[in-house]
Protein backbone atom coordinates (compact mmCIF):
# COMPACT_ATOMS: atom_id res chain seq x y z
CA MET A 1 77.04 -49.94 66.05
CA ASN A 2 73.41 -48.93 65.68
CA TRP A 3 74.28 -45.96 63.49
CA LEU A 4 75.27 -48.25 60.60
CA LEU A 5 72.74 -48.64 57.77
CA PRO A 6 71.83 -51.98 56.17
CA GLU A 7 73.90 -53.00 53.18
CA HIS A 8 73.27 -51.17 49.90
CA LEU A 9 71.43 -48.34 51.65
CA ALA A 10 72.96 -44.87 52.12
CA ASP A 11 72.14 -41.40 53.34
CA ALA A 12 72.25 -38.50 50.91
CA LEU A 13 74.49 -35.86 52.49
CA PRO A 14 73.98 -32.15 51.81
CA SER A 15 75.85 -31.79 48.52
CA GLU A 16 74.35 -34.99 47.04
CA ALA A 17 70.87 -34.22 48.35
CA ALA A 18 71.03 -30.75 46.86
CA GLN A 19 72.11 -32.16 43.47
CA ILE A 20 69.33 -34.78 43.52
CA GLU A 21 66.71 -32.17 44.42
CA ARG A 22 67.89 -29.76 41.72
CA LEU A 23 67.67 -32.54 39.13
CA ARG A 24 64.28 -33.69 40.38
CA ARG A 25 62.79 -30.27 39.96
CA ARG A 26 64.45 -29.67 36.58
CA LEU A 27 63.56 -33.02 35.08
CA LEU A 28 59.94 -33.07 36.33
CA ASP A 29 59.56 -29.56 34.90
CA ARG A 30 60.96 -30.87 31.61
CA CYS A 31 58.34 -33.62 31.58
CA ARG A 32 55.65 -31.05 32.42
CA VAL A 33 56.42 -28.91 29.35
CA HIS A 34 56.00 -32.05 27.24
CA GLY A 35 52.49 -32.42 28.65
CA TYR A 36 53.16 -35.03 31.39
CA GLU A 37 51.25 -34.56 34.62
CA LEU A 38 52.82 -35.38 37.98
CA VAL A 39 51.33 -38.15 40.16
CA MET A 40 52.48 -39.33 43.60
CA PRO A 41 51.57 -42.95 44.36
CA PRO A 42 51.88 -44.16 47.98
CA LEU A 43 54.98 -45.98 49.19
CA LEU A 44 52.87 -48.97 50.40
CA GLU A 45 50.03 -50.79 48.66
CA HIS A 46 48.23 -54.08 49.02
CA LEU A 47 50.64 -56.66 47.66
CA ASP A 48 48.19 -58.04 45.11
CA SER A 49 47.83 -54.58 43.61
CA LEU A 50 51.60 -54.05 43.32
CA LEU A 51 52.08 -57.46 41.72
CA THR A 52 48.98 -57.52 39.51
CA GLY A 53 49.43 -58.40 35.86
CA SER A 54 52.77 -57.29 34.51
CA GLY A 55 53.91 -56.46 38.02
CA GLN A 56 54.33 -60.19 38.83
CA ASP A 57 58.00 -59.88 37.68
CA LEU A 58 58.56 -57.71 40.73
CA LYS A 59 57.58 -60.38 43.24
CA LEU A 60 61.11 -61.33 44.31
CA ARG A 61 62.17 -57.69 44.55
CA THR A 62 59.32 -56.54 46.77
CA PHE A 63 59.48 -56.24 50.56
CA LYS A 64 56.35 -57.56 52.26
CA LEU A 65 54.71 -56.81 55.60
CA VAL A 66 51.39 -57.22 57.36
CA ASP A 67 48.99 -54.28 57.71
CA GLN A 68 48.21 -53.76 61.43
CA ILE A 69 44.76 -52.35 60.50
CA SER A 70 43.40 -54.81 57.94
CA GLY A 71 45.64 -57.84 58.48
CA ARG A 72 46.30 -57.95 54.73
CA THR A 73 49.75 -58.29 53.24
CA LEU A 74 51.24 -55.03 52.02
CA GLY A 75 54.20 -54.43 49.74
CA VAL A 76 56.76 -51.64 49.65
CA ARG A 77 56.89 -50.61 46.02
CA ALA A 78 59.84 -51.87 44.02
CA ASP A 79 58.73 -50.10 40.85
CA MET A 80 56.31 -47.18 40.46
CA THR A 81 55.22 -48.11 36.92
CA PRO A 82 52.43 -50.56 37.95
CA GLN A 83 51.16 -47.91 40.42
CA VAL A 84 50.96 -45.28 37.69
CA ALA A 85 49.19 -47.79 35.42
CA ARG A 86 46.67 -48.36 38.23
CA ILE A 87 46.13 -44.61 38.52
CA ASP A 88 45.51 -44.28 34.79
CA ALA A 89 43.22 -47.27 34.55
CA HIS A 90 41.20 -47.08 37.77
CA LEU A 91 41.34 -43.52 39.15
CA LEU A 92 41.71 -41.11 36.24
CA ASN A 93 39.72 -43.29 33.83
CA ARG A 94 40.21 -40.82 30.98
CA GLN A 95 39.40 -41.44 27.36
CA GLY A 96 42.17 -41.07 24.83
CA VAL A 97 45.83 -40.38 25.64
CA THR A 98 47.04 -39.77 29.22
CA ARG A 99 50.60 -38.62 30.00
CA LEU A 100 51.88 -39.03 33.56
CA CYS A 101 55.24 -38.54 35.25
CA TYR A 102 56.47 -39.38 38.74
CA CYS A 103 59.46 -39.43 41.05
CA GLY A 104 59.99 -41.22 44.36
CA SER A 105 62.00 -43.79 46.28
CA VAL A 106 61.49 -47.49 45.61
CA LEU A 107 62.89 -50.34 47.68
CA HIS A 108 64.45 -53.57 46.45
CA THR A 109 65.01 -56.73 48.46
CA LEU A 110 68.33 -57.21 46.67
CA PRO A 111 70.51 -54.72 44.73
CA ALA A 112 70.41 -54.90 40.94
CA SER A 113 74.21 -55.09 40.92
CA LEU A 114 77.11 -55.11 43.40
CA ALA A 115 77.37 -51.32 43.30
CA ALA A 116 73.65 -50.55 43.13
CA SER A 117 71.50 -49.10 45.89
CA ARG A 118 68.52 -50.99 47.22
CA GLU A 119 66.70 -47.65 47.41
CA PRO A 120 66.83 -46.09 43.95
CA ILE A 121 65.00 -42.80 43.38
CA GLN A 122 62.87 -43.66 40.35
CA LEU A 123 61.93 -40.86 37.96
CA GLY A 124 59.92 -41.68 34.88
CA ALA A 125 57.14 -40.88 32.45
CA GLU A 126 54.37 -43.07 31.03
CA LEU A 127 52.08 -42.58 28.05
CA PHE A 128 48.76 -44.46 28.06
CA GLY A 129 46.09 -44.86 25.41
CA HIS A 130 48.07 -44.94 22.14
CA ALA A 131 49.32 -48.16 20.54
CA GLY A 132 51.15 -46.66 17.56
CA VAL A 133 54.78 -45.90 16.74
CA ALA A 134 54.11 -42.23 17.39
CA ALA A 135 53.81 -42.91 21.13
CA ASP A 136 57.06 -44.93 21.23
CA ARG A 137 58.77 -42.15 19.33
CA GLU A 138 57.52 -39.50 21.76
CA VAL A 139 58.68 -41.40 24.82
CA ILE A 140 62.14 -42.15 23.36
CA ARG A 141 62.54 -38.50 22.45
CA LEU A 142 61.40 -37.42 25.91
CA MET A 143 63.93 -39.79 27.52
CA ALA A 144 66.72 -38.32 25.40
CA ASP A 145 65.55 -34.78 26.21
CA VAL A 146 65.46 -35.51 29.96
CA LEU A 147 69.00 -36.94 29.90
CA SER A 148 70.26 -33.93 27.93
CA CYS A 149 68.51 -31.61 30.40
CA ALA A 150 70.38 -33.37 33.20
CA GLY A 151 73.70 -32.75 31.44
CA VAL A 152 74.13 -36.50 30.78
CA PRO A 153 73.16 -36.85 27.08
CA ALA A 154 72.77 -40.36 25.75
CA ALA A 155 75.78 -41.49 23.75
CA ARG A 156 73.79 -44.46 22.43
CA ILE A 157 70.15 -45.54 22.57
CA ASP A 158 69.65 -49.26 21.84
CA LEU A 159 66.30 -50.32 20.39
CA GLY A 160 64.97 -53.83 20.49
CA HIS A 161 61.63 -55.61 20.20
CA VAL A 162 60.55 -58.51 22.41
CA GLY A 163 58.14 -59.60 19.70
CA VAL A 164 61.00 -61.09 17.69
CA PHE A 165 61.98 -63.67 20.32
CA ARG A 166 58.36 -64.24 21.30
CA ALA A 167 57.45 -65.06 17.69
CA LEU A 168 60.36 -67.49 17.38
CA ALA A 169 59.43 -69.18 20.72
CA ASP A 170 55.81 -69.56 19.65
CA ALA A 171 56.64 -70.86 16.17
CA ALA A 172 59.19 -73.31 17.52
CA GLY A 173 56.72 -74.59 20.13
CA LEU A 174 59.09 -74.00 23.06
CA ASP A 175 57.86 -75.13 26.44
CA GLY A 176 58.15 -72.74 29.36
CA GLU A 177 61.36 -74.26 30.79
CA LEU A 178 63.27 -74.18 27.49
CA GLU A 179 61.99 -70.73 26.65
CA GLY A 180 63.23 -69.43 30.02
CA ALA A 181 66.63 -71.08 29.57
CA LEU A 182 67.10 -69.66 26.07
CA LEU A 183 65.97 -66.24 27.30
CA GLN A 184 68.68 -66.23 29.98
CA LEU A 185 71.34 -67.36 27.55
CA LEU A 186 70.38 -64.65 25.04
CA GLN A 187 70.42 -61.97 27.71
CA ALA A 188 73.91 -63.12 28.73
CA LYS A 189 74.91 -63.52 25.04
CA ASP A 190 76.33 -66.94 26.00
CA VAL A 191 76.60 -68.23 22.44
CA PRO A 192 78.30 -71.61 23.18
CA SER A 193 75.62 -72.60 25.71
CA LEU A 194 72.95 -71.21 23.41
CA ARG A 195 74.24 -73.44 20.60
CA ASP A 196 74.05 -76.50 22.86
CA ARG A 197 70.45 -75.79 23.84
CA CYS A 198 69.35 -75.16 20.25
CA ARG A 199 70.62 -78.51 18.91
CA THR A 200 67.22 -80.16 19.56
CA LEU A 201 65.27 -77.44 17.79
CA ALA A 202 64.04 -77.69 14.24
CA GLU A 203 65.16 -75.35 11.49
CA PRO A 204 64.85 -72.50 10.72
CA PHE A 205 64.23 -71.68 14.40
CA ALA A 206 67.51 -72.98 15.77
CA SER A 207 69.53 -70.88 13.30
CA ALA A 208 67.33 -67.83 13.95
CA LEU A 209 67.80 -68.02 17.71
CA LEU A 210 71.59 -68.44 17.24
CA ALA A 211 71.59 -65.38 14.99
CA LEU A 212 70.00 -63.06 17.57
CA PRO A 213 73.20 -62.31 19.62
CA ASP A 214 74.91 -61.04 16.44
CA LEU A 215 72.01 -58.84 15.40
CA TYR A 216 73.18 -55.59 16.94
CA GLY A 217 74.60 -52.38 15.54
CA GLY A 218 73.38 -49.66 13.17
CA VAL A 219 70.48 -49.62 10.73
CA GLU A 220 72.13 -52.36 8.72
CA THR A 221 71.10 -54.66 11.57
CA LEU A 222 67.49 -54.55 10.44
CA ALA A 223 68.42 -55.62 6.89
CA ALA A 224 70.54 -58.43 8.32
CA ALA A 225 67.66 -59.54 10.53
CA ARG A 226 65.30 -59.86 7.55
CA LEU A 227 67.76 -62.26 5.97
CA ALA A 228 68.60 -64.23 9.11
CA LEU A 229 65.15 -64.62 10.61
CA PRO A 230 62.18 -66.62 9.26
CA ASP A 231 59.42 -64.82 7.39
CA LEU A 232 56.92 -64.62 10.18
CA ALA A 233 54.33 -61.83 10.31
CA PRO A 234 55.11 -60.79 13.93
CA ILE A 235 58.83 -60.56 13.15
CA ALA A 236 58.20 -58.52 10.02
CA ALA A 237 55.92 -56.18 11.99
CA ALA A 238 58.52 -55.77 14.74
CA LEU A 239 61.30 -54.95 12.25
CA ASP A 240 58.97 -52.48 10.46
CA THR A 241 58.32 -50.70 13.76
CA LEU A 242 62.03 -50.43 14.51
CA ARG A 243 62.70 -49.11 11.01
CA GLN A 244 59.97 -46.47 11.41
CA LEU A 245 61.48 -45.35 14.69
CA GLN A 246 64.95 -45.09 13.16
CA ALA A 247 63.62 -43.02 10.26
CA SER A 248 61.62 -40.69 12.51
CA LEU A 249 64.43 -40.02 15.04
CA PRO A 250 67.37 -39.13 12.79
CA ASP A 251 68.93 -36.77 15.32
CA LEU A 252 69.27 -39.41 18.09
CA PRO A 253 72.15 -41.89 18.41
CA LEU A 254 70.04 -44.98 17.73
CA SER A 255 71.38 -48.51 17.41
CA PHE A 256 69.72 -51.93 17.56
CA ASP A 257 70.07 -55.04 19.72
CA LEU A 258 67.60 -57.84 19.03
CA ALA A 259 68.97 -59.96 21.86
CA ASP A 260 68.26 -57.29 24.51
CA LEU A 261 65.30 -58.95 26.23
CA ARG A 262 65.33 -57.30 29.65
CA GLY A 263 61.81 -57.14 30.98
CA TYR A 264 60.71 -59.85 28.52
CA HIS A 265 57.80 -60.94 30.74
CA TYR A 266 56.83 -57.31 31.36
CA HIS A 267 57.21 -55.68 27.98
CA ASN A 268 55.46 -56.74 24.77
CA GLY A 269 56.77 -54.44 22.08
CA VAL A 270 59.58 -51.96 21.52
CA VAL A 271 62.20 -51.79 24.29
CA PHE A 272 65.00 -49.26 24.59
CA ALA A 273 67.99 -48.41 26.74
CA ALA A 274 70.11 -45.25 26.90
CA TYR A 275 73.84 -45.40 27.63
CA HIS A 276 76.45 -42.89 28.74
CA PRO A 277 80.24 -43.42 28.75
CA ALA A 278 80.53 -42.65 32.47
CA PHE A 279 77.95 -45.28 33.48
CA SER A 280 78.64 -49.01 33.38
CA SER A 281 75.06 -50.01 32.51
CA ALA A 282 72.02 -48.35 30.98
CA VAL A 283 71.31 -44.93 32.49
CA ALA A 284 67.61 -45.11 31.48
CA LEU A 285 65.35 -47.97 30.37
CA GLY A 286 61.93 -48.17 28.85
CA GLY A 287 59.56 -49.90 26.51
CA ARG A 288 56.01 -50.81 25.57
CA TYR A 289 53.83 -52.78 27.98
CA ASP A 290 50.34 -52.83 26.49
CA GLY A 291 47.53 -54.32 28.55
CA VAL A 292 49.04 -53.56 31.94
CA GLY A 293 45.81 -51.90 33.07
CA ARG A 294 43.67 -54.97 32.21
CA SER A 295 43.82 -56.25 35.78
CA PHE A 296 42.70 -52.82 37.01
CA GLY A 297 39.65 -52.78 34.76
CA ARG A 298 40.92 -51.14 31.58
CA ASP A 299 43.05 -52.73 28.88
CA ARG A 300 45.16 -49.78 27.79
CA PRO A 301 48.21 -49.48 25.49
CA ALA A 302 51.14 -48.11 27.38
CA THR A 303 54.79 -47.11 26.91
CA GLY A 304 57.25 -45.28 29.10
CA PHE A 305 60.75 -45.02 30.58
CA SER A 306 62.38 -44.59 33.97
CA LEU A 307 65.78 -43.89 35.47
CA ASP A 308 67.49 -43.82 38.86
CA LEU A 309 67.76 -40.15 39.84
CA ARG A 310 70.35 -40.94 42.52
CA GLU A 311 72.68 -42.48 39.97
CA LEU A 312 71.97 -39.78 37.40
CA ALA A 313 72.90 -37.11 39.97
CA ARG A 314 76.34 -38.69 40.38
CA LEU A 315 76.93 -38.37 36.63
CA ALA A 316 75.55 -34.88 36.18
CA ALA A 317 77.85 -31.90 36.62
CA SER A 318 77.19 -30.25 39.97
CA PRO A 319 76.91 -26.49 39.79
CA ALA A 320 78.92 -24.42 42.23
CA SER A 321 76.96 -23.97 45.44
CA PRO A 322 75.77 -20.40 45.89
CA GLY A 323 77.37 -18.52 48.74
CA ALA A 324 75.28 -17.63 51.73
CA VAL A 325 74.72 -14.33 53.50
CA LEU A 326 75.69 -14.18 57.19
CA ALA A 327 73.34 -12.05 59.26
CA PRO A 328 73.17 -10.96 62.88
CA ASN A 329 70.47 -12.67 64.92
CA VAL A 330 67.05 -11.46 63.77
CA ALA A 331 66.20 -10.36 67.32
CA ALA A 332 68.51 -7.39 66.78
CA SER A 333 65.80 -5.26 65.07
CA ALA A 334 62.62 -5.36 63.07
CA ALA A 335 64.42 -3.70 60.15
CA LEU A 336 66.93 -6.54 60.10
CA ALA A 337 64.15 -9.12 60.14
CA LYS A 338 62.54 -7.39 57.15
CA ALA A 339 65.84 -7.22 55.23
CA ILE A 340 66.42 -10.95 55.82
CA ALA A 341 62.89 -11.79 54.69
CA VAL A 342 63.32 -9.81 51.46
CA LEU A 343 66.61 -11.56 50.68
CA ARG A 344 65.08 -14.99 51.24
CA GLU A 345 62.13 -14.12 48.98
CA GLN A 346 64.71 -13.34 46.33
CA GLY A 347 66.21 -16.80 46.72
CA GLU A 348 69.24 -15.85 48.77
CA ILE A 349 70.51 -18.19 51.48
CA VAL A 350 70.62 -16.19 54.71
CA VAL A 351 72.13 -17.77 57.87
CA GLU A 352 71.57 -16.05 61.18
CA ARG A 353 74.50 -15.85 63.59
CA LEU A 354 73.67 -17.79 66.75
CA SER A 355 76.86 -17.19 68.68
CA ALA A 356 80.23 -15.52 68.42
CA GLU A 357 81.91 -18.78 67.47
CA THR A 358 82.77 -19.47 63.84
CA GLY A 359 82.50 -23.00 62.49
CA SER A 360 82.74 -24.70 59.12
CA GLU A 361 79.28 -26.25 59.29
CA GLY A 362 76.52 -25.22 56.89
CA PRO A 363 76.68 -23.24 53.66
CA VAL A 364 79.77 -21.19 53.02
CA CYS A 365 79.11 -17.54 53.77
CA ASP A 366 80.82 -15.22 51.32
CA ARG A 367 78.82 -12.11 52.25
CA GLN A 368 77.37 -10.56 55.35
CA LEU A 369 74.60 -8.16 56.34
CA VAL A 370 75.90 -5.03 58.04
CA GLU A 371 74.16 -1.87 59.19
CA ASP A 372 75.15 1.30 57.38
CA ASN A 373 73.46 4.56 58.37
CA GLY A 374 70.32 2.75 59.48
CA GLN A 375 70.15 0.51 56.37
CA TRP A 376 71.06 -3.17 56.21
CA VAL A 377 73.37 -3.77 53.25
CA ILE A 378 75.38 -6.74 51.97
CA GLU A 379 79.17 -6.65 51.84
CA ALA A 380 81.73 -9.28 50.86
CA ILE A 381 83.61 -11.21 53.56
CA ASN A 382 86.47 -13.65 53.57
CA ARG A 383 85.21 -16.52 55.69
CA ASN A 384 85.44 -20.30 55.41
CA GLY A 385 82.16 -20.98 57.14
CA CYS A 386 79.10 -19.57 58.80
CA ASN A 387 78.70 -18.78 62.47
CA GLY A 388 76.88 -21.48 64.36
């Protein structure tokens, strides 16, 4: 059955495709009014460019192939963020702050979950050139605004900071293997296994690591963290940053999760995730990833967020499809052709009748063009479909 698609890949049929396209236009326009400029990176790049620096975490998720022209190994992008960082660092090469947004398909070797697509449509925004809390605040607010614009407002936005775990790992002298194991256990919030692995660690680091899974909730979490965690300068700075964000975003549903370490090897500061009741996991993710442009020639601070537009479209309310206008074939007269052109310029869907048969394919026609005293006018019809 050669019409079957590979697993975890799917076509977007007319209603879904229309919803995705409406959202794409609306959300990119929303980013534009915040000052974010649209870029369109290529689908393929040299593999070493896609996986440079922070992009190394994408290695297992990236499809690889050989370029028939150069013989070099190419990769199909699994994440557009490193590409946008390359554009900022190497092509635009601007001084000061640069704001960029993007939208396009990415391809994963394996789905992120059993229900996920291997071809998400990634939409996101990145802010380069500012290392302060103000940039994190702007991106979090933009993410919330984009979700609200889509009709899927965030019910909760979790904030975390990878600097907390990194400071504990460095102070405790963890080797790479143990650090990786503890990281996985914290991400899974597997407290019994975490307790077993921490038995060989010295205090106060063992107790601090065991406290991380319980450090989630409202602003009281930050006060609890100061009591439960050792007095290390990087931890104090991370908690101060989170407190500043909470104070400066009073209208957003912020909460905190200090064990949320997704993207630990990619991010190096504040991380955040937006949730909606109708979605089983985060509907949008983001965070700070300073230095990502270093491998492209410029060491730039950076923060941003992204989401899967295909998944978001399934959550967003779909507006009623506009009815179409059924018209005789344009060959009937020049006046008819002009009338159809005017309607289409006004945004109307006009479907020309190709035969006398009536089918259910295509947009539903609720009106038709008829000639009345030499003028083409629209009148209502009762019809379940357009002529084909």
